[in-house]
PDB file of N, CA and C in Angstrom:
ATOM      1  N   MET A   1      13.366  -4.131   7.129  1.00  0.00           N
ATOM      2  CA  MET A   1      12.452  -4.058   6.408  1.00  0.00           C
ATOM      3  C   MET A   1      12.788  -4.157   5.125  1.00  0.00           C
ATOM      4  N   ASN A   2      11.874  -4.797   4.229  1.00  0.00           N
ATOM      5  CA  ASN A   2      12.214  -5.194   2.710  1.00  0.00           C
ATOM      6  C   ASN A   2      10.975  -3.613   2.402  1.00  0.00           C
ATOM      7  N   VAL A   3      11.372  -3.170   0.843  1.00  0.00           N
ATOM      8  CA  VAL A   3      11.078  -1.608   0.364  1.00  0.00           C
ATOM      9  C   VAL A   3      10.852  -2.274  -0.655  1.00  0.00           C
ATOM     10  N   ILE A   4       9.142  -2.554  -0.909  1.00  0.00           N
ATOM     11  CA  ILE A   4       9.045  -2.554  -2.196  1.00  0.00           C
ATOM     12  C   ILE A   4       8.075  -1.573  -2.967  1.00  0.00           C
ATOM     13  N   ALA A   5       8.646  -0.693  -3.920  1.00  0.00           N
ATOM     14  CA  ALA A   5       9.586  -1.384  -4.035  1.00  0.00           C
ATOM     15  C   ALA A   5      10.667  -0.031  -4.159  1.00  0.00           C
ATOM     16  N   LYS A   6      11.638  -0.258  -4.632  1.00  0.00           N
ATOM     17  CA  LYS A   6      13.048   0.809  -4.810  1.00  0.00           C
ATOM     18  C   LYS A   6      12.466   1.473  -6.244  1.00  0.00           C
ATOM     19  N   SER A   7      12.341   0.637  -7.274  1.00  0.00           N
ATOM     20  CA  SER A   7      12.101   1.281  -8.191  1.00  0.00           C
ATOM     21  C   SER A   7      10.727   2.610  -8.525  1.00  0.00           C
ATOM     22  N   ALA A   8      10.497   3.144  -7.653  1.00  0.00           N
ATOM     23  CA  ALA A   8       9.221   3.694  -7.727  1.00  0.00           C
ATOM     24  C   ALA A   8      10.020   4.828  -7.254  1.00  0.00           C
ATOM     25  N   LEU A   9      10.909   4.874  -6.029  1.00  0.00           N
ATOM     26  CA  LEU A   9      12.165   6.140  -6.077  1.00  0.00           C
ATOM     27  C   LEU A   9      12.842   6.252  -6.723  1.00  0.00           C
ATOM     28  N   VAL A  10      13.117   5.341  -7.265  1.00  0.00           N
ATOM     29  CA  VAL A  10      14.555   6.100  -8.386  1.00  0.00           C
ATOM     30  C   VAL A  10      13.600   6.664  -9.857  1.00  0.00           C
ATOM     31  N   ARG A  11      12.505   6.335 -10.506  1.00  0.00           N
ATOM     32  CA  ARG A  11      11.492   7.225 -11.286  1.00  0.00           C
ATOM     33  C   ARG A  11      11.260   7.912 -10.713  1.00  0.00           C
ATOM     34  N   PHE A  12      11.022   8.252  -9.455  1.00  0.00           N
ATOM     35  CA  PHE A  12      10.885  10.131  -8.761  1.00  0.00           C
ATOM     36  C   PHE A  12      11.843  10.257  -9.236  1.00  0.00           C
ATOM     37  N   TRP A  13      13.008  10.192  -8.887  1.00  0.00           N
ATOM     38  CA  TRP A  13      14.116  10.908  -8.784  1.00  0.00           C
ATOM     39  C   TRP A  13      14.795  11.415  -9.970  1.00  0.00           C
ATOM     40  N   GLU A  14      14.448  10.106 -10.815  1.00  0.00           N
ATOM     41  CA  GLU A  14      14.292  10.289 -12.312  1.00  0.00           C
ATOM     42  C   GLU A  14      14.027  11.195 -13.188  1.00  0.00           C
ATOM     43  N   GLY A  15      12.955  11.332 -12.527  1.00  0.00           N
ATOM     44  CA  GLY A  15      11.865  12.712 -13.340  1.00  0.00           C
ATOM     45  C   GLY A  15      11.885  14.091 -12.590  1.00  0.00           C
ATOM     46  N   GLN A  16      13.017  14.269 -12.041  1.00  0.00           N
ATOM     47  CA  GLN A  16      13.358  15.533 -11.666  1.00  0.00           C
ATOM     48  C   GLN A  16      14.066  16.234 -12.357  1.00  0.00           C
ATOM     49  N   PRO A  17      14.615  17.086 -12.356  1.00  0.00           N
ATOM     50  CA  PRO A  17      15.543  18.261 -13.230  1.00  0.00           C
ATOM     51  C   PRO A  17      16.763  17.957 -13.083  1.00  0.00           C
ATOM     52  N   LYS A  18      17.422  17.904 -13.885  1.00  0.00           N
ATOM     53  CA  LYS A  18      19.101  17.693 -13.676  1.00  0.00           C
ATOM     54  C   LYS A  18      19.648  18.813 -13.007  1.00  0.00           C
ATOM     55  N   GLY A  19      20.781  18.001 -12.875  1.00  0.00           N
ATOM     56  CA  GLY A  19      21.453  19.084 -11.525  1.00  0.00           C
ATOM     57  C   GLY A  19      20.901  18.578 -10.117  1.00  0.00           C
ATOM     58  N   GLU A  20      20.818  20.128  -9.243  1.00  0.00           N
ATOM     59  CA  GLU A  20      20.791  19.960  -8.051  1.00  0.00           C
ATOM     60  C   GLU A  20      19.366  19.467  -7.775  1.00  0.00           C
ATOM     61  N   PRO A  21      18.481  19.515  -8.236  1.00  0.00           N
ATOM     62  CA  PRO A  21      17.249  18.888  -7.998  1.00  0.00           C
ATOM     63  C   PRO A  21      17.223  17.699  -7.839  1.00  0.00           C
ATOM     64  N   ARG A  22      17.510  16.952  -8.753  1.00  0.00           N
ATOM     65  CA  ARG A  22      17.847  15.611  -9.161  1.00  0.00           C
ATOM     66  C   ARG A  22      18.729  14.762  -7.512  1.00  0.00           C
ATOM     67  N   ARG A  23      19.506  15.181  -7.826  1.00  0.00           N
ATOM     68  CA  ARG A  23      21.228  15.240  -6.843  1.00  0.00           C
ATOM     69  C   ARG A  23      20.226  14.902  -5.474  1.00  0.00           C
ATOM     70  N   ALA A  24      19.461  15.874  -5.078  1.00  0.00           N
ATOM     71  CA  ALA A  24      19.251  16.525  -3.879  1.00  0.00           C
ATOM     72  C   ALA A  24      17.837  15.150  -3.732  1.00  0.00           C
ATOM     73  N   ALA A  25      17.142  14.650  -4.496  1.00  0.00           N
ATOM     74  CA  ALA A  25      16.159  13.860  -4.072  1.00  0.00           C
ATOM     75  C   ALA A  25      16.316  12.733  -4.104  1.00  0.00           C
ATOM     76  N   GLN A  26      17.357  11.910  -5.355  1.00  0.00           N
ATOM     77  CA  GLN A  26      17.811  10.909  -4.773  1.00  0.00           C
ATOM     78  C   GLN A  26      18.322  10.803  -3.630  1.00  0.00           C
ATOM     79  N   ALA A  27      19.841  11.732  -3.122  1.00  0.00           N
ATOM     80  CA  ALA A  27      20.605  11.456  -1.549  1.00  0.00           C
ATOM     81  C   ALA A  27      19.407  11.658  -0.527  1.00  0.00           C
ATOM     82  N   ALA A  28      18.241  12.410  -0.730  1.00  0.00           N
ATOM     83  CA  ALA A  28      16.811  12.633   0.234  1.00  0.00           C
ATOM     84  C   ALA A  28      16.627  10.768   0.257  1.00  0.00           C
ATOM     85  N   PHE A  29      16.043  10.055  -1.121  1.00  0.00           N
ATOM     86  CA  PHE A  29      15.070   8.836  -1.293  1.00  0.00           C
ATOM     87  C   PHE A  29      16.200   8.365  -0.535  1.00  0.00           C
ATOM     88  N   THR A  30      17.146   7.835  -0.760  1.00  0.00           N
ATOM     89  CA  THR A  30      18.369   6.987  -0.764  1.00  0.00           C
ATOM     90  C   THR A  30      18.590   6.787   0.611  1.00  0.00           C
ATOM     91  N   GLN A  31      18.322   8.249   1.023  1.00  0.00           N
ATOM     92  CA  GLN A  31      18.516   8.319   3.006  1.00  0.00           C
ATOM     93  C   GLN A  31      17.686   7.117   3.452  1.00  0.00           C
ATOM     94  N   TRP A  32      15.968   7.420   2.935  1.00  0.00           N
ATOM     95  CA  TRP A  32      15.405   7.051   3.884  1.00  0.00           C
ATOM     96  C   TRP A  32      15.619   6.057   3.112  1.00  0.00           C
ATOM     97  N   HIS A  33      15.610   5.259   2.257  1.00  0.00           N
ATOM     98  CA  HIS A  33      15.706   3.801   1.912  1.00  0.00           C
ATOM     99  C   HIS A  33      16.857   3.273   2.742  1.00  0.00           C
ATOM    100  N   THR A  34      17.941   3.363   2.855  1.00  0.00           N
ATOM    101  CA  THR A  34      18.951   3.015   3.714  1.00  0.00           C
ATOM    102  C   THR A  34      18.263   2.200   4.823  1.00  0.00           C
ATOM    103  N   ALA A  35      17.889   3.569   5.950  1.00  0.00           N
ATOM    104  CA  ALA A  35      17.432   3.388   7.301  1.00  0.00           C
ATOM    105  C   ALA A  35      16.046   2.716   7.286  1.00  0.00           C
ATOM    106  N   ALA A  36      15.612   2.771   6.224  1.00  0.00           N
ATOM    107  CA  ALA A  36      14.245   2.139   6.252  1.00  0.00           C
ATOM    108  C   ALA A  36      14.872   0.393   5.856  1.00  0.00           C
ATOM    109  N   SER A  37      15.669   0.532   5.441  1.00  0.00           N
ATOM    110  CA  SER A  37      15.575  -1.167   4.991  1.00  0.00           C
ATOM    111  C   SER A  37      16.600  -2.004   5.869  1.00  0.00           C
ATOM    112  N   ASP A  38      17.097  -1.169   6.983  1.00  0.00           N
ATOM    113  CA  ASP A  38      18.297  -1.142   8.012  1.00  0.00           C
ATOM    114  C   ASP A  38      17.334  -1.429   8.969  1.00  0.00           C
ATOM    115  N   ALA A  39      16.201  -1.364   8.785  1.00  0.00           N
ATOM    116  CA  ALA A  39      15.035  -1.253  10.335  1.00  0.00           C
ATOM    117  C   ALA A  39      14.338  -2.272  10.438  1.00  0.00           C
ATOM    118  N   SER A  40      13.829  -3.050  11.821  1.00  0.00           N
ATOM    119  CA  SER A  40      12.921  -3.670  11.682  1.00  0.00           C
ATOM    120  C   SER A  40      12.001  -3.815  12.545  1.00  0.00           C
ATOM    121  N   TRP A  41      10.834  -3.022  12.372  1.00  0.00           N
ATOM    122  CA  TRP A  41       9.905  -2.417  13.145  1.00  0.00           C
ATOM    123  C   TRP A  41       8.988  -3.755  13.213  1.00  0.00           C
ATOM    124  N   ASN A  42       8.678  -3.914  14.496  1.00  0.00           N
ATOM    125  CA  ASN A  42       7.268  -4.726  14.899  1.00  0.00           C
ATOM    126  C   ASN A  42       5.960  -3.925  15.304  1.00  0.00           C
ATOM    127  N   ASN A  43       6.498  -2.792  15.434  1.00  0.00           N
ATOM    128  CA  ASN A  43       5.556  -1.614  15.523  1.00  0.00           C
ATOM    129  C   ASN A  43       4.908  -0.401  15.427  1.00  0.00           C
ATOM    130  N   PHE A  44       4.465   0.602  14.944  1.00  0.00           N
ATOM    131  CA  PHE A  44       4.341   1.829  14.542  1.00  0.00           C
ATOM    132  C   PHE A  44       5.268   2.627  15.632  1.00  0.00           C
ATOM    133  N   ASP A  45       5.442   2.553  17.089  1.00  0.00           N
ATOM    134  CA  ASP A  45       6.120   3.023  17.565  1.00  0.00           C
ATOM    135  C   ASP A  45       7.487   2.875  17.241  1.00  0.00           C
ATOM    136  N   ALA A  46       8.082   2.080  17.016  1.00  0.00           N
ATOM    137  CA  ALA A  46       9.190   0.807  16.999  1.00  0.00           C
ATOM    138  C   ALA A  46      10.141   2.252  15.480  1.00  0.00           C
ATOM    139  N   LEU A  47       8.706   2.535  14.652  1.00  0.00           N
ATOM    140  CA  LEU A  47       9.299   2.703  13.121  1.00  0.00           C
ATOM    141  C   LEU A  47       9.848   4.439  13.890  1.00  0.00           C
ATOM    142  N   LYS A  48       8.565   4.845  14.522  1.00  0.00           N
ATOM    143  CA  LYS A  48       9.138   6.596  15.463  1.00  0.00           C
ATOM    144  C   LYS A  48      10.513   7.321  15.793  1.00  0.00           C
ATOM    145  N   HIS A  49      10.930   5.439  15.649  1.00  0.00           N
ATOM    146  CA  HIS A  49      12.283   6.166  16.742  1.00  0.00           C
ATOM    147  C   HIS A  49      13.102   6.120  14.810  1.00  0.00           C
ATOM    148  N   THR A  50      12.950   5.875  14.096  1.00  0.00           N
ATOM    149  CA  THR A  50      14.190   6.035  13.522  1.00  0.00           C
ATOM    150  C   THR A  50      13.572   7.532  12.527  1.00  0.00           C
ATOM    151  N   PHE A  51      12.072   7.061  12.281  1.00  0.00           N
ATOM    152  CA  PHE A  51      11.234   8.376  11.717  1.00  0.00           C
ATOM    153  C   PHE A  51      10.324   9.196  12.414  1.00  0.00           C
ATOM    154  N   ASN A  52      10.763  10.092  13.328  1.00  0.00           N
ATOM    155  CA  ASN A  52      10.351  11.269  14.480  1.00  0.00           C
ATOM    156  C   ASN A  52       9.143  11.542  13.861  1.00  0.00           C
ATOM    157  N   SER A  53       8.979  11.868  12.820  1.00  0.00           N
ATOM    158  CA  SER A  53       7.944  12.649  11.902  1.00  0.00           C
ATOM    159  C   SER A  53       7.144  12.018  10.671  1.00  0.00           C
ATOM    160  N   ALA A  54       7.289  11.073  10.565  1.00  0.00           N
ATOM    161  CA  ALA A  54       6.119  10.323  10.167  1.00  0.00           C
ATOM    162  C   ALA A  54       4.512   9.890  10.913  1.00  0.00           C
ATOM    163  N   ASP A  55       3.873   9.740   9.995  1.00  0.00           N
ATOM    164  CA  ASP A  55       2.600   9.798  11.162  1.00  0.00           C
ATOM    165  C   ASP A  55       1.983   8.960   9.956  1.00  0.00           C
ATOM    166  N   TYR A  56       0.830   8.041  11.206  1.00  0.00           N
ATOM    167  CA  TYR A  56      -0.176   7.447  10.939  1.00  0.00           C
ATOM    168  C   TYR A  56      -1.478   7.528  10.240  1.00  0.00           C
ATOM    169  N   VAL A  57      -1.357   7.349   9.177  1.00  0.00           N
ATOM    170  CA  VAL A  57      -2.584   7.708   8.889  1.00  0.00           C
ATOM    171  C   VAL A  57      -4.376   7.097   8.214  1.00  0.00           C
ATOM    172  N   GLY A  58      -3.882   5.278   9.414  1.00  0.00           N
ATOM    173  CA  GLY A  58      -4.713   4.222   8.920  1.00  0.00           C
ATOM    174  C   GLY A  58      -4.784   3.410   7.863  1.00  0.00           C
ATOM    175  N   ASN A  59      -5.879   2.258   8.058  1.00  0.00           N
ATOM    176  CA  ASN A  59      -5.896   1.016   7.217  1.00  0.00           C
ATOM    177  C   ASN A  59      -3.911   0.790   6.852  1.00  0.00           C
ATOM    178  N   GLY A  60      -3.143   0.720   7.713  1.00  0.00           N
ATOM    179  CA  GLY A  60      -1.461   0.233   7.635  1.00  0.00           C
ATOM    180  C   GLY A  60      -0.454   1.348   7.304  1.00  0.00           C
ATOM    181  N   LYS A  61      -1.597   2.399   6.460  1.00  0.00           N
ATOM    182  CA  LYS A  61      -0.457   3.726   6.732  1.00  0.00           C
ATOM    183  C   LYS A  61       0.388   4.475   7.220  1.00  0.00           C
ATOM    184  N   VAL A  62       1.649   4.726   6.140  1.00  0.00           N
ATOM    185  CA  VAL A  62       2.491   5.771   7.164  1.00  0.00           C
ATOM    186  C   VAL A  62       2.912   6.439   5.876  1.00  0.00           C
ATOM    187  N   VAL A  63       2.719   8.412   6.833  1.00  0.00           N
ATOM    188  CA  VAL A  63       3.554   9.171   5.926  1.00  0.00           C
ATOM    189  C   VAL A  63       4.719   9.543   5.782  1.00  0.00           C
ATOM    190  N   PHE A  64       5.665   9.078   5.402  1.00  0.00           N
ATOM    191  CA  PHE A  64       7.305   9.312   5.695  1.00  0.00           C
ATOM    192  C   PHE A  64       7.472  11.440   5.264  1.00  0.00           C
ATOM    193  N   ASP A  65       7.868  12.374   6.194  1.00  0.00           N
ATOM    194  CA  ASP A  65       8.103  13.162   5.473  1.00  0.00           C
ATOM    195  C   ASP A  65      10.236  13.119   5.105  1.00  0.00           C
ATOM    196  N   VAL A  66       9.887  13.328   3.587  1.00  0.00           N
ATOM    197  CA  VAL A  66      11.863  12.662   3.804  1.00  0.00           C
ATOM    198  C   VAL A  66      12.840  14.448   2.752  1.00  0.00           C
ATOM    199  N   GLY A  67      13.474  13.858   3.389  1.00  0.00           N
ATOM    200  CA  GLY A  67      14.481  15.578   2.972  1.00  0.00           C
ATOM    201  C   GLY A  67      14.375  16.231   3.453  1.00  0.00           C
ATOM    202  N   GLY A  68      14.042  16.622   4.654  1.00  0.00           N
ATOM    203  CA  GLY A  68      13.580  17.708   5.626  1.00  0.00           C
ATOM    204  C   GLY A  68      12.123  18.376   4.788  1.00  0.00           C
ATOM    205  N   ASN A  69      11.170  17.516   4.732  1.00  0.00           N
ATOM    206  CA  ASN A  69      10.229  17.422   3.837  1.00  0.00           C
ATOM    207  C   ASN A  69       9.654  17.765   3.249  1.00  0.00           C
ATOM    208  N   LYS A  70      11.095  18.128   2.516  1.00  0.00           N
ATOM    209  CA  LYS A  70      10.844  18.377   0.967  1.00  0.00           C
ATOM    210  C   LYS A  70       9.485  17.628   0.051  1.00  0.00           C
ATOM    211  N   TYR A  71       9.616  16.147   0.516  1.00  0.00           N
ATOM    212  CA  TYR A  71       9.044  15.272  -0.350  1.00  0.00           C
ATOM    213  C   TYR A  71       8.508  14.697   1.305  1.00  0.00           C
ATOM    214  N   ARG A  72       7.530  13.780  -0.079  1.00  0.00           N
ATOM    215  CA  ARG A  72       6.567  13.090   1.191  1.00  0.00           C
ATOM    216  C   ARG A  72       7.138  11.380   0.093  1.00  0.00           C
ATOM    217  N   LEU A  73       6.462  10.150   1.190  1.00  0.00           N
ATOM    218  CA  LEU A  73       6.472   8.977   0.849  1.00  0.00           C
ATOM    219  C   LEU A  73       5.447   8.344   1.604  1.00  0.00           C
ATOM    220  N   VAL A  74       4.098   7.564   0.785  1.00  0.00           N
ATOM    221  CA  VAL A  74       3.304   7.097   2.045  1.00  0.00           C
ATOM    222  C   VAL A  74       3.268   5.645   1.546  1.00  0.00           C
ATOM    223  N   GLY A  75       4.140   4.677   2.167  1.00  0.00           N
ATOM    224  CA  GLY A  75       3.913   3.711   2.418  1.00  0.00           C
ATOM    225  C   GLY A  75       2.541   2.510   3.461  1.00  0.00           C
ATOM    226  N   LEU A  76       2.642   1.068   2.771  1.00  0.00           N
ATOM    227  CA  LEU A  76       1.929   0.725   3.644  1.00  0.00           C
ATOM    228  C   LEU A  76       2.913  -0.444   4.280  1.00  0.00           C
ATOM    229  N   VAL A  77       2.949  -0.192   5.261  1.00  0.00           N
ATOM    230  CA  VAL A  77       3.927  -1.377   6.358  1.00  0.00           C
ATOM    231  C   VAL A  77       3.544  -2.703   7.303  1.00  0.00           C
ATOM    232  N   ALA A  78       3.735  -3.022   6.779  1.00  0.00           N
ATOM    233  CA  ALA A  78       3.339  -4.640   7.542  1.00  0.00           C
ATOM    234  C   ALA A  78       4.229  -4.994   8.528  1.00  0.00           C
ATOM    235  N   TYR A  79       4.093  -5.358   9.462  1.00  0.00           N
ATOM    236  CA  TYR A  79       4.980  -5.170  10.725  1.00  0.00           C
ATOM    237  C   TYR A  79       4.855  -6.650  11.068  1.00  0.00           C
ATOM    238  N   ARG A  80       4.648  -7.027  10.160  1.00  0.00           N
ATOM    239  CA  ARG A  80       4.435  -8.998  10.820  1.00  0.00           C
ATOM    240  C   ARG A  80       5.642  -9.484   9.573  1.00  0.00           C
ATOM    241  N   THR A  81       5.239  -9.100   8.570  1.00  0.00           N
ATOM    242  CA  THR A  81       6.119  -9.141   7.180  1.00  0.00           C
ATOM    243  C   THR A  81       7.350  -8.469   6.804  1.00  0.00           C
ATOM    244  N   LYS A  82       7.266  -7.892   7.681  1.00  0.00           N
ATOM    245  CA  LYS A  82       8.630  -6.678   7.828  1.00  0.00           C
ATOM    246  C   LYS A  82       8.909  -5.984   5.347  1.00  0.00           C
ATOM    247  N   ARG A  83       7.430  -5.431   5.416  1.00  0.00           N
ATOM    248  CA  ARG A  83       7.715  -5.642   4.530  1.00  0.00           C
ATOM    249  C   ARG A  83       7.049  -4.088   4.387  1.00  0.00           C
ATOM    250  N   ILE A  84       7.459  -3.088   3.754  1.00  0.00           N
ATOM    251  CA  ILE A  84       6.865  -1.649   3.124  1.00  0.00           C
ATOM    252  C   ILE A  84       6.267  -1.526   1.852  1.00  0.00           C
ATOM    253  N   TYR A  85       5.443  -1.285   1.437  1.00  0.00           N
ATOM    254  CA  TYR A  85       5.271  -1.308  -0.228  1.00  0.00           C
ATOM    255  C   TYR A  85       4.579   0.342  -0.041  1.00  0.00           C
ATOM    256  N   VAL A  86       5.578   0.656  -1.065  1.00  0.00           N
ATOM    257  CA  VAL A  86       5.371   1.913  -1.312  1.00  0.00           C
ATOM    258  C   VAL A  86       4.198   2.080  -2.207  1.00  0.00           C
ATOM    259  N   LEU A  87       3.329   3.481  -1.628  1.00  0.00           N
ATOM    260  CA  LEU A  87       2.295   3.711  -2.887  1.00  0.00           C
ATOM    261  C   LEU A  87       2.254   4.849  -2.974  1.00  0.00           C
ATOM    262  N   PHE A  88       3.136   5.491  -2.539  1.00  0.00           N
ATOM    263  CA  PHE A  88       3.270   7.316  -3.358  1.00  0.00           C
ATOM    264  C   PHE A  88       4.812   7.614  -2.700  1.00  0.00           C
ATOM    265  N   VAL A  89       4.984   8.451  -3.630  1.00  0.00           N
ATOM    266  CA  VAL A  89       6.038   9.235  -3.793  1.00  0.00           C
ATOM    267  C   VAL A  89       5.904  10.555  -4.043  1.00  0.00           C
ATOM    268  N   GLY A  90       6.549  11.346  -3.607  1.00  0.00           N
ATOM    269  CA  GLY A  90       6.079  12.930  -4.426  1.00  0.00           C
ATOM    270  C   GLY A  90       6.650  13.970  -3.336  1.00  0.00           C
ATOM    271  N   THR A  91       6.652  15.726  -3.997  1.00  0.00           N
ATOM    272  CA  THR A  91       6.627  16.175  -3.509  1.00  0.00           C
ATOM    273  C   THR A  91       5.534  16.895  -2.249  1.00  0.00           C
ATOM    274  N   HIS A  92       6.084  17.691  -1.445  1.00  0.00           N
ATOM    275  CA  HIS A  92       5.394  18.259  -0.323  1.00  0.00           C
ATOM    276  C   HIS A  92       3.457  18.466  -1.716  1.00  0.00           C
ATOM    277  N   ALA A  93       4.277  19.533  -2.210  1.00  0.00           N
ATOM    278  CA  ALA A  93       2.964  20.081  -3.015  1.00  0.00           C
ATOM    279  C   ALA A  93       1.964  18.875  -3.649  1.00  0.00           C
ATOM    280  N   ASP A  94       2.503  17.849  -4.457  1.00  0.00           N
ATOM    281  CA  ASP A  94       2.060  16.501  -4.710  1.00  0.00           C
ATOM    282  C   ASP A  94       1.398  16.066  -3.784  1.00  0.00           C
ATOM    283  N   TYR A  95       1.928  15.598  -2.721  1.00  0.00           N
ATOM    284  CA  TYR A  95       0.874  15.313  -1.490  1.00  0.00           C
ATOM    285  C   TYR A  95      -0.728  15.470  -1.119  1.00  0.00           C
ATOM    286  N   ASP A  96       0.493  17.397  -1.523  1.00  0.00           N
ATOM    287  CA  ASP A  96      -1.280  17.887  -0.969  1.00  0.00           C
ATOM    288  C   ASP A  96      -2.328  17.597  -1.597  1.00  0.00           C
ATOM    289  N   ARG A  97      -1.960  16.964  -2.868  1.00  0.00           N
ATOM    290  CA  ARG A  97      -3.296  16.971  -4.036  1.00  0.00           C
ATOM    291  C   ARG A  97      -3.687  15.857  -4.039  1.00  0.00           C
ATOM    292  N   ILE A  98      -3.350  14.591  -3.144  1.00  0.00           N
ATOM    293  CA  ILE A  98      -4.063  13.495  -3.128  1.00  0.00           C
ATOM    294  C   ILE A  98      -4.601  13.486  -2.278  1.00  0.00           C
ATOM    295  N   ASP A  99      -5.309  12.056  -2.164  1.00  0.00           N
ATOM    296  CA  ASP A  99      -6.438  11.907  -1.425  1.00  0.00           C
ATOM    297  C   ASP A  99      -5.257  10.518  -0.603  1.00  0.00           C
ATOM    298  N   VAL A 100      -5.148  10.424   0.255  1.00  0.00           N
ATOM    299  CA  VAL A 100      -4.063   9.261   1.161  1.00  0.00           C
ATOM    300  C   VAL A 100      -5.427   8.409   1.490  1.00  0.00           C
ATOM    301  N   THR A 101      -6.582   8.594   1.245  1.00  0.00           N
ATOM    302  CA  THR A 101      -7.356   7.737   2.560  1.00  0.00           C
ATOM    303  C   THR A 101      -8.011   6.749   0.724  1.00  0.00           C
ATOM    304  N   VAL A 102      -7.731   6.968  -0.058  1.00  0.00           N
ATOM    305  CA  VAL A 102      -7.754   6.194  -1.532  1.00  0.00           C
ATOM    306  C   VAL A 102      -6.466   5.213  -1.819  1.00  0.00           C
ATOM    307  N   LEU A 103      -5.451   5.513  -1.555  1.00  0.00           N
ATOM    308  CA  LEU A 103      -4.335   5.090  -2.335  1.00  0.00           C
ATOM    309  C   LEU A 103      -4.109   3.087  -2.203  1.00  0.00           C
TER     310      LEU A 103
END
């Protein structure tokens, strides 16, 4: 899958406090990006084989638990074109404050 855009992940982890918080976020999102980029899903069931904790929230949007559920990523997954458009990256607490239906 082609992740559009990795820069959103980098902006997030670079915005974390230096030291362990930044390293943890970078490691978690790098691992997610590698797994997603290596995948070639045709449907949500195939995606679930890679990311078992992912949730489909409608209109092509999928919520991924990243870093042991410490972080959340919302992506618009286009199976036909093999793309994931990153709509939101944040902590679990940040995610709890948004309305995913308006992304």
